Amino acid sequence: MTNLFINIKELIQVRDFSVKKVSGKEMSILPTIKNAFLLVKDDLIEDFGSMDDLPKIEIDHTIDVTGKMILPTWCDSHTHIVYAGNREREFADRINGLSYETIAKNGGGILNSAKLVQKTSEEDLYWQSAKRLEEVISLGTGAIEIKSGYGLTLEAELKILRVIKKLKENYTIPIKATFLGAHALPLKFKENKKGYIDLIINKMLPTIAKENLADFVDVFCEVGYFSVEDTDEILSAAKQYGLIPKVHVNQFNSIGGIKMSIKHQSRSVDHLEVMSAEDIEILKNTQTMPVALPGCSYFLSIPFTPARAIIAAGLPLALATDYNPGSAPSGNMNFVISTACIKMKMTPEEVINSATINGAFAMNLESKVGSISRGKLANFTITKKIPSYAFIPYSFGSNLIEAVYLKGEKIIF
């Protein structure tokens, strides 16, 4: 099956296949072709170029998108969308003056979500999560990472990871699974952190590896959660199972977690709201992708990741939603890129690079998605009629996506 899209007002994020990520000044460069065509064969991008160079070929369908733009689907490299229920009560508590940390100390936060997951059947958890997944796909997300971490028992963590596996089987969107057992300390282990870490290392990791339930391993390396030493121990244990690290770090404090993450060759370090000059220096000349989560900063009213300092240092940056019930209850990547422009002073070119090609790299999916490249999956969105691609982050309250294609097929839910 061949589909030819013609009269594309602007084809955005056109890359040579060898470009895996962009860093520093390169992030301000967004290659595009105006008045373009895009040829899709089965589930892959076959060809593209200017309408002036359109070859004479046999095709099955021609789609005229005059006045509209095409760009790669968003690559959301940090989510927790497999959860039960919601936490709108805590939303009100924060409005009334309680901090995120105080709510957590009082048994709310992650522990609240864990309690709900433990009580929810696997089937119910699946359908709640599937609904969220369909929503974010309709908003333009075409590759996604999903973490566990709202279980905090062997049984509940496995439940979450099995739901992620089922989502992988039932949807065409590329999904990466991350084991985040070290998300918080369960009440049962409140006075016995070593006991819980032992449970993660000796029971959870071997079982997850045996059932092939995760691609990555993650730890919340933060004051009041897991220390640098704890994180080091867990990542060292996960290495023997082939799990690649992706670390929550520097959300509230800079405690040395980035240096430790680099030691373990983490694929990404995520949050980074609090960054020292030393943290930025350590990230130079590594293959670790810094990931900012502006939706979390917006929702919790905490600092935003210092994007300008990171990019000025010649580093890459990815953007993700952190979609979760407590600190970022939205999977809308369009809002994320708008917020990054407005609050982090990133340019439209930089946010599109961060939310596509660099997001793909953060998930180890750069060979499959993230750019309009020959041989990559035909995962792309068609916009409504808009004046320029800068109009996407500019119109932060509007949904400008007309159609989403995954593996060459138009997605309709």
Protein backbone atom coordinates (compact mmCIF):
# COMPACT_ATOMS: atom_id res chain seq x y z
CA MET A 1 0.00 0.00 0.00
CA THR A 2 1.43 3.37 -1.05
CA ASN A 3 0.01 6.72 0.06
CA LEU A 4 1.17 9.99 -1.44
CA PHE A 5 0.62 13.23 0.46
CA ILE A 6 0.86 16.24 -1.83
CA ASN A 7 0.88 20.03 -1.60
CA ILE A 8 2.18 19.98 1.97
CA LYS A 9 2.56 23.61 3.00
CA GLU A 10 5.68 22.68 4.99
CA LEU A 11 7.20 19.28 5.74
CA ILE A 12 8.90 19.68 9.11
CA GLN A 13 11.88 17.91 10.72
CA VAL A 14 13.35 16.47 7.54
CA ARG A 15 16.54 14.66 8.51
CA ASP A 16 19.20 12.43 7.07
CA PHE A 17 18.79 9.04 8.71
CA SER A 18 22.21 9.28 10.38
CA VAL A 19 21.19 12.23 12.59
CA LYS A 20 20.33 10.67 15.96
CA LYS A 21 19.93 13.78 18.13
CA VAL A 22 20.71 17.49 18.06
CA SER A 23 22.63 19.50 20.64
CA GLY A 24 23.51 23.08 21.52
CA LYS A 25 23.27 25.54 18.62
CA GLU A 26 22.06 22.74 16.33
CA MET A 27 18.80 22.75 18.26
CA SER A 28 17.87 26.07 16.71
CA ILE A 29 18.01 24.51 13.24
CA LEU A 30 14.84 22.79 12.03
CA PRO A 31 15.12 21.48 8.46
CA THR A 32 11.91 21.78 6.46
CA ILE A 33 10.70 21.62 2.86
CA LYS A 34 7.97 23.98 1.67
CA ASN A 35 5.41 22.90 -0.91
CA ALA A 36 6.39 19.28 -0.37
CA PHE A 37 5.28 15.72 -0.96
CA LEU A 38 5.57 12.69 1.31
CA LEU A 39 5.45 9.11 0.06
CA VAL A 40 4.53 6.34 2.48
CA LYS A 41 4.85 2.68 1.57
CA ASP A 42 3.15 0.29 3.99
CA ASP A 43 4.36 1.39 7.44
CA LEU A 44 7.52 3.29 6.42
CA ILE A 45 8.50 6.63 4.94
CA GLU A 46 9.57 5.86 1.39
CA ASP A 47 10.43 9.30 -0.01
CA PHE A 48 9.82 13.04 0.27
CA GLY A 49 10.83 16.25 -1.42
CA SER A 50 9.63 19.36 -3.18
CA MET A 51 6.49 19.16 -5.31
CA ASP A 52 8.67 20.43 -8.15
CA ASP A 53 10.60 17.16 -7.94
CA LEU A 54 7.62 14.81 -7.55
CA PRO A 55 8.51 11.59 -9.40
CA LYS A 56 6.08 9.74 -11.63
CA ILE A 57 5.18 6.68 -9.61
CA GLU A 58 2.26 4.31 -9.18
CA ILE A 59 0.44 4.87 -5.91
CA ASP A 60 -2.71 3.55 -4.26
CA HIS A 61 -4.01 6.76 -2.69
CA THR A 62 -3.27 10.47 -3.04
CA ILE A 63 -4.07 12.81 -0.15
CA ASP A 64 -4.06 16.54 -0.88
CA VAL A 65 -3.15 18.53 2.25
CA THR A 66 -3.03 22.01 0.74
CA GLY A 67 -2.46 24.66 3.39
CA LYS A 68 -1.54 22.10 6.06
CA MET A 69 1.76 20.99 7.54
CA ILE A 70 3.20 17.57 8.35
CA LEU A 71 5.64 16.87 11.15
CA PRO A 72 6.76 13.78 13.08
CA THR A 73 4.54 12.68 15.94
CA TRP A 74 5.66 13.74 19.40
CA CYS A 75 8.03 11.41 21.25
CA ASP A 76 7.06 11.47 24.94
CA SER A 77 9.95 9.86 26.80
CA HIS A 78 8.68 10.17 30.38
CA THR A 79 5.18 9.16 31.51
CA HIS A 80 3.44 7.23 34.28
CA ILE A 81 0.08 6.80 32.54
CA VAL A 82 -0.63 3.35 33.99
CA TYR A 83 -2.25 4.37 37.26
CA ALA A 84 -5.61 4.03 38.99
CA GLY A 85 -8.09 6.74 39.88
CA ASN A 86 -6.90 10.29 40.43
CA ARG A 87 -5.61 12.68 43.09
CA GLU A 88 -7.73 15.78 42.69
CA ARG A 89 -8.06 16.01 46.50
CA GLU A 90 -4.32 16.70 46.74
CA PHE A 91 -4.71 19.34 44.05
CA ALA A 92 -7.03 21.20 46.42
CA ASP A 93 -4.64 20.60 49.34
CA ARG A 94 -1.83 22.31 47.43
CA ILE A 95 -4.07 25.26 46.63
CA ASN A 96 -4.71 25.51 50.37
CA GLY A 97 -0.99 25.71 51.10
CA LEU A 98 0.34 22.19 51.55
CA SER A 99 3.54 21.40 49.64
CA TYR A 100 4.13 18.31 47.50
CA GLU A 101 6.65 17.09 50.11
CA THR A 102 4.22 17.63 53.01
CA ILE A 103 1.44 15.74 51.25
CA ALA A 104 3.87 12.86 50.64
CA LYS A 105 4.94 12.78 54.30
CA ASN A 106 1.28 12.59 55.32
CA GLY A 107 0.78 9.41 53.29
CA GLY A 108 -0.46 11.09 50.12
CA GLY A 109 1.36 11.47 46.86
CA ILE A 110 2.89 8.36 45.35
CA LEU A 111 1.75 6.21 48.30
CA ASN A 112 -1.85 7.24 47.67
CA SER A 113 -1.62 6.13 44.04
CA ALA A 114 0.08 2.89 45.08
CA LYS A 115 -2.80 2.08 47.40
CA LEU A 116 -5.28 2.58 44.56
CA VAL A 117 -3.28 0.44 42.12
CA GLN A 118 -3.00 -2.37 44.63
CA LYS A 119 -6.81 -2.44 44.97
CA THR A 120 -7.53 -2.22 41.24
CA SER A 121 -7.82 -5.29 39.03
CA GLU A 122 -5.41 -5.70 36.16
CA GLU A 123 -8.28 -5.52 33.68
CA ASP A 124 -9.65 -2.28 35.13
CA LEU A 125 -6.15 -0.79 35.27
CA TYR A 126 -5.68 -1.69 31.62
CA TRP A 127 -8.87 0.03 30.46
CA GLN A 128 -8.18 3.18 32.48
CA SER A 129 -4.70 3.35 30.96
CA ALA A 130 -5.83 2.51 27.43
CA LYS A 131 -8.21 5.47 27.52
CA ARG A 132 -5.34 7.78 28.46
CA LEU A 133 -3.11 6.30 25.77
CA GLU A 134 -5.74 6.89 23.09
CA GLU A 135 -6.13 10.47 24.28
CA VAL A 136 -2.42 11.28 23.97
CA ILE A 137 -2.20 9.60 20.57
CA SER A 138 -5.08 11.79 19.36
CA LEU A 139 -3.05 14.81 20.59
CA GLY A 140 -0.12 13.84 18.38
CA THR A 141 2.04 11.50 20.46
CA GLY A 142 3.48 8.70 18.33
CA ALA A 143 6.06 7.10 20.66
CA ILE A 144 5.88 6.84 24.42
CA GLU A 145 7.68 5.54 27.48
CA ILE A 146 5.56 4.29 30.39
CA LYS A 147 6.92 3.69 33.90
CA SER A 148 5.75 1.49 36.72
CA GLY A 149 6.26 2.85 40.24
CA TYR A 150 2.70 3.18 41.48
CA GLY A 151 2.66 -0.37 42.79
CA LEU A 152 5.50 -0.58 45.34
CA THR A 153 4.85 -4.28 45.97
CA LEU A 154 6.03 -7.16 43.80
CA GLU A 155 2.48 -8.03 42.77
CA ALA A 156 1.40 -4.46 41.99
CA GLU A 157 4.58 -3.55 40.10
CA LEU A 158 4.16 -6.67 37.97
CA LYS A 159 0.51 -5.73 37.42
CA ILE A 160 1.52 -2.34 36.02
CA LEU A 161 4.24 -3.78 33.79
CA ARG A 162 1.87 -6.45 32.46
CA VAL A 163 -0.63 -3.74 31.60
CA ILE A 164 2.12 -1.89 29.70
CA LYS A 165 2.94 -5.12 27.86
CA LYS A 166 -0.72 -5.52 26.91
CA LEU A 167 -0.83 -1.94 25.64
CA LYS A 168 2.21 -2.73 23.50
CA GLU A 169 0.38 -5.70 22.02
CA ASN A 170 -2.87 -3.88 21.30
CA TYR A 171 -1.68 -0.51 19.94
CA THR A 172 0.61 0.35 17.03
CA ILE A 173 2.39 3.18 18.87
CA PRO A 174 5.97 2.26 19.91
CA ILE A 175 5.96 1.85 23.70
CA LYS A 176 8.96 1.50 26.00
CA ALA A 177 8.46 0.06 29.50
CA THR A 178 10.42 1.25 32.53
CA PHE A 179 10.61 -0.44 35.92
CA LEU A 180 10.43 2.23 38.64
CA GLY A 181 10.03 0.18 41.80
CA ALA A 182 12.26 2.73 43.55
CA HIS A 183 9.70 5.52 43.21
CA ALA A 184 8.96 5.90 46.93
CA LEU A 185 9.33 3.94 50.15
CA PRO A 186 6.17 1.94 51.01
CA LEU A 187 4.70 2.47 54.48
CA LYS A 188 5.53 -1.14 55.31
CA PHE A 189 9.23 -0.31 54.85
CA LYS A 190 9.13 3.20 56.31
CA GLU A 191 11.78 2.29 58.90
CA ASN A 192 13.50 -0.32 56.74
CA LYS A 193 14.70 1.17 53.46
CA LYS A 194 17.35 -1.54 53.12
CA GLY A 195 14.62 -4.16 53.29
CA TYR A 196 12.73 -2.54 50.41
CA ILE A 197 15.86 -2.15 48.29
CA ASP A 198 16.60 -5.82 48.92
CA LEU A 199 13.07 -6.64 47.72
CA ILE A 200 13.67 -4.66 44.53
CA ILE A 201 17.03 -6.29 43.88
CA ASN A 202 16.32 -9.88 44.92
CA LYS A 203 12.65 -10.33 43.98
CA MET A 204 11.37 -7.63 41.65
CA LEU A 205 14.27 -7.39 39.21
CA PRO A 206 14.69 -11.16 38.64
CA THR A 207 10.95 -11.65 38.08
CA ILE A 208 10.66 -8.69 35.72
CA ALA A 209 13.67 -9.93 33.75
CA LYS A 210 12.29 -13.48 33.57
CA GLU A 211 9.00 -12.22 32.13
CA ASN A 212 10.77 -9.66 29.90
CA LEU A 213 8.56 -6.84 31.18
CA ALA A 214 10.88 -3.81 31.04
CA ASP A 215 13.34 -2.05 28.74
CA PHE A 216 14.64 0.47 31.28
CA VAL A 217 15.12 0.83 35.02
CA ASP A 218 14.54 4.08 36.90
CA VAL A 219 15.06 5.42 40.42
CA PHE A 220 13.74 8.59 42.08
CA CYS A 221 17.09 9.94 43.30
CA GLU A 222 16.05 12.72 45.66
CA VAL A 223 16.15 13.84 49.29
CA GLY A 224 13.47 11.91 51.18
CA TYR A 225 13.27 9.20 48.53
CA PHE A 226 16.38 7.31 47.36
CA SER A 227 19.91 8.56 47.96
CA VAL A 228 22.75 8.57 45.47
CA GLU A 229 24.11 5.45 47.17
CA ASP A 230 20.71 3.72 47.00
CA THR A 231 20.40 4.59 43.33
CA ASP A 232 23.90 3.32 42.62
CA GLU A 233 23.10 0.00 44.30
CA ILE A 234 19.83 -0.51 42.39
CA LEU A 235 21.28 0.42 39.00
CA SER A 236 24.27 -1.85 39.58
CA ALA A 237 21.92 -4.74 40.29
CA ALA A 238 19.74 -3.98 37.26
CA LYS A 239 22.73 -4.01 34.93
CA GLN A 240 23.03 -7.80 35.04
CA TYR A 241 19.50 -8.03 33.58
CA GLY A 242 20.27 -5.72 30.69
CA LEU A 243 18.01 -2.90 31.89
CA ILE A 244 19.15 0.54 30.75
CA PRO A 245 19.03 3.33 33.37
CA LYS A 246 16.78 6.42 33.08
CA VAL A 247 16.95 8.39 36.33
CA HIS A 248 14.59 10.87 38.07
CA VAL A 249 17.10 13.39 39.38
CA ASN A 250 17.53 17.04 40.49
CA GLN A 251 13.82 17.71 40.87
CA PHE A 252 14.14 19.51 44.20
CA ASN A 253 17.84 19.22 45.09
CA SER A 254 21.22 18.71 43.45
CA ILE A 255 22.76 15.88 45.48
CA GLY A 256 25.18 14.22 43.06
CA GLY A 257 22.66 12.08 41.23
CA ILE A 258 23.70 13.26 37.78
CA LYS A 259 27.33 12.23 38.30
CA MET A 260 26.17 8.82 39.46
CA SER A 261 23.77 8.52 36.49
CA ILE A 262 26.62 9.21 34.07
CA LYS A 263 28.68 6.52 35.80
CA HIS A 264 25.95 4.05 34.84
CA GLN A 265 25.63 5.44 31.30
CA SER A 266 22.01 6.43 31.81
CA ARG A 267 20.08 6.93 28.61
CA SER A 268 18.46 9.99 30.14
CA VAL A 269 18.34 12.09 33.29
CA ASP A 270 14.88 13.53 33.86
CA HIS A 271 13.42 16.54 35.71
CA LEU A 272 16.53 18.74 36.22
CA GLU A 273 14.62 21.63 37.74
CA VAL A 274 17.58 22.34 40.04
CA MET A 275 20.89 22.35 38.17
CA SER A 276 24.32 23.46 39.30
CA ALA A 277 27.14 24.50 36.99
CA GLU A 278 28.89 21.27 37.95
CA ASP A 279 25.84 19.19 36.95
CA ILE A 280 25.82 20.78 33.51
CA GLU A 281 29.57 20.30 33.12
CA ILE A 282 29.28 16.60 34.01
CA LEU A 283 26.74 16.05 31.24
CA LYS A 284 29.11 17.31 28.54
CA ASN A 285 30.62 14.73 26.17
CA THR A 286 28.22 12.00 27.26
CA GLN A 287 25.45 10.08 25.48
CA THR A 288 22.96 10.87 28.25
CA MET A 289 19.93 12.93 27.22
CA PRO A 290 18.75 15.65 29.62
CA VAL A 291 14.94 15.63 29.79
CA ALA A 292 12.82 18.52 31.01
CA LEU A 293 9.25 18.12 32.28
CA PRO A 294 7.69 21.59 32.16
CA GLY A 295 4.17 20.30 32.83
CA CYS A 296 5.32 19.19 36.28
CA SER A 297 6.92 22.55 37.01
CA TYR A 298 3.75 24.31 35.90
CA PHE A 299 1.44 22.12 37.99
CA LEU A 300 3.55 22.16 41.17
CA SER A 301 4.71 25.79 40.82
CA ILE A 302 8.34 24.75 41.13
CA PRO A 303 11.30 26.05 39.05
CA PHE A 304 11.52 25.16 35.38
CA THR A 305 14.51 23.30 34.00
CA PRO A 306 17.16 25.90 32.96
CA ALA A 307 16.92 25.12 29.27
CA ARG A 308 18.94 28.13 28.13
CA ALA A 309 21.92 27.19 30.31
CA ILE A 310 21.78 23.56 29.16
CA ILE A 311 21.61 24.45 25.47
CA ALA A 312 24.27 27.18 25.82
CA ALA A 313 26.60 24.50 27.21
CA GLY A 314 26.29 22.62 23.93
CA LEU A 315 24.04 19.92 25.37
CA PRO A 316 20.92 18.37 23.87
CA LEU A 317 17.53 18.60 25.59
CA ALA A 318 14.34 16.57 25.30
CA LEU A 319 10.85 17.51 26.47
CA ALA A 320 8.30 15.10 27.95
CA THR A 321 4.99 15.30 29.81
CA ASP A 322 5.65 13.35 33.04
CA TYR A 323 1.97 12.38 32.73
CA ASN A 324 0.97 11.15 36.20
CA PRO A 325 -1.90 11.65 38.67
CA GLY A 326 -0.04 13.73 41.23
CA SER A 327 2.33 16.23 39.68
CA ALA A 328 1.50 16.38 35.96
CA PRO A 329 -2.00 15.08 35.17
CA SER A 330 -1.79 15.80 31.44
CA GLY A 331 -0.22 13.97 28.52
CA ASN A 332 -0.65 16.85 26.10
CA MET A 333 2.72 17.38 24.40
CA ASN A 334 1.33 20.44 22.61
CA PHE A 335 0.94 22.15 25.98
CA VAL A 336 4.44 21.00 26.95
CA ILE A 337 6.10 22.65 23.97
CA SER A 338 4.08 25.83 24.49
CA THR A 339 5.10 25.95 28.14
CA ALA A 340 8.74 25.40 27.20
CA CYS A 341 8.58 28.39 24.86
CA ILE A 342 6.74 30.62 27.32
CA LYS A 343 8.42 29.69 30.60
CA MET A 344 11.79 28.24 29.57
CA LYS A 345 12.46 30.72 26.73
CA MET A 346 13.02 28.01 24.15
CA THR A 347 12.42 28.81 20.50
CA PRO A 348 9.81 26.99 18.36
CA GLU A 349 12.65 25.24 16.54
CA GLU A 350 14.22 24.08 19.80
CA VAL A 351 10.99 22.72 21.27
CA ILE A 352 10.09 20.78 18.14
CA ASN A 353 13.57 19.24 18.09
CA SER A 354 13.26 18.47 21.81
CA ALA A 355 9.84 16.85 21.44
CA THR A 356 10.66 14.76 18.37
CA ILE A 357 14.19 13.65 17.50
CA ASN A 358 15.67 14.15 20.99
CA GLY A 359 12.66 12.54 22.66
CA ALA A 360 13.13 9.53 20.41
CA PHE A 361 16.80 9.33 21.43
CA ALA A 362 15.83 9.40 25.11
CA MET A 363 13.83 6.21 24.51
CA ASN A 364 16.43 4.49 22.34
CA LEU A 365 14.01 4.82 19.42
CA GLU A 366 15.99 7.24 17.26
CA SER A 367 16.34 4.69 14.44
CA LYS A 368 12.55 4.29 14.18
CA VAL A 369 10.85 7.63 14.90
CA GLY A 370 11.47 11.29 15.65
CA SER A 371 12.06 12.72 12.18
CA ILE A 372 10.87 12.60 8.59
CA SER A 373 13.55 10.24 7.32
CA ARG A 374 13.52 7.56 4.65
CA GLY A 375 13.16 4.15 6.26
CA LYS A 376 11.67 5.37 9.54
CA LEU A 377 8.15 4.52 10.67
CA ALA A 378 5.50 6.67 9.02
CA ASN A 379 4.44 8.23 12.32
CA PHE A 380 3.41 11.80 11.65
CA THR A 381 0.69 14.38 12.21
CA ILE A 382 -1.14 16.61 9.78
CA THR A 383 -1.97 20.02 11.17
CA LYS A 384 -5.00 22.11 10.47
CA LYS A 385 -4.39 25.08 8.19
CA ILE A 386 -1.89 27.23 10.11
CA PRO A 387 0.39 30.15 9.09
CA SER A 388 3.64 28.61 10.39
CA TYR A 389 4.97 25.89 12.68
CA ALA A 390 5.57 28.54 15.35
CA PHE A 391 1.79 28.82 15.53
CA ILE A 392 1.68 25.40 17.26
CA PRO A 393 3.37 26.50 20.52
CA TYR A 394 1.93 30.01 20.16
CA SER A 395 -1.68 28.75 20.23
CA PHE A 396 -1.29 27.02 23.57
CA GLY A 397 -5.04 26.59 24.13
CA SER A 398 -5.93 25.14 20.74
CA ASN A 399 -5.66 21.66 19.26
CA LEU A 400 -4.19 22.23 15.81
CA ILE A 401 -3.81 18.55 14.91
CA GLU A 402 -6.18 17.37 12.20
CA ALA A 403 -4.92 13.80 11.75
CA VAL A 404 -2.45 11.36 13.29
CA TYR A 405 -0.79 8.55 11.35
CA LEU A 406 1.00 5.64 13.01
CA LYS A 407 2.86 3.13 10.84
CA GLY A 408 1.26 4.71 7.81
CA GLU A 409 -2.33 4.31 8.97
CA LYS A 410 -4.68 7.10 9.99
CA ILE A 411 -5.66 6.64 13.62
CA ILE A 412 -9.34 6.88 14.48
CA PHE A 413 -10.66 5.98 17.91
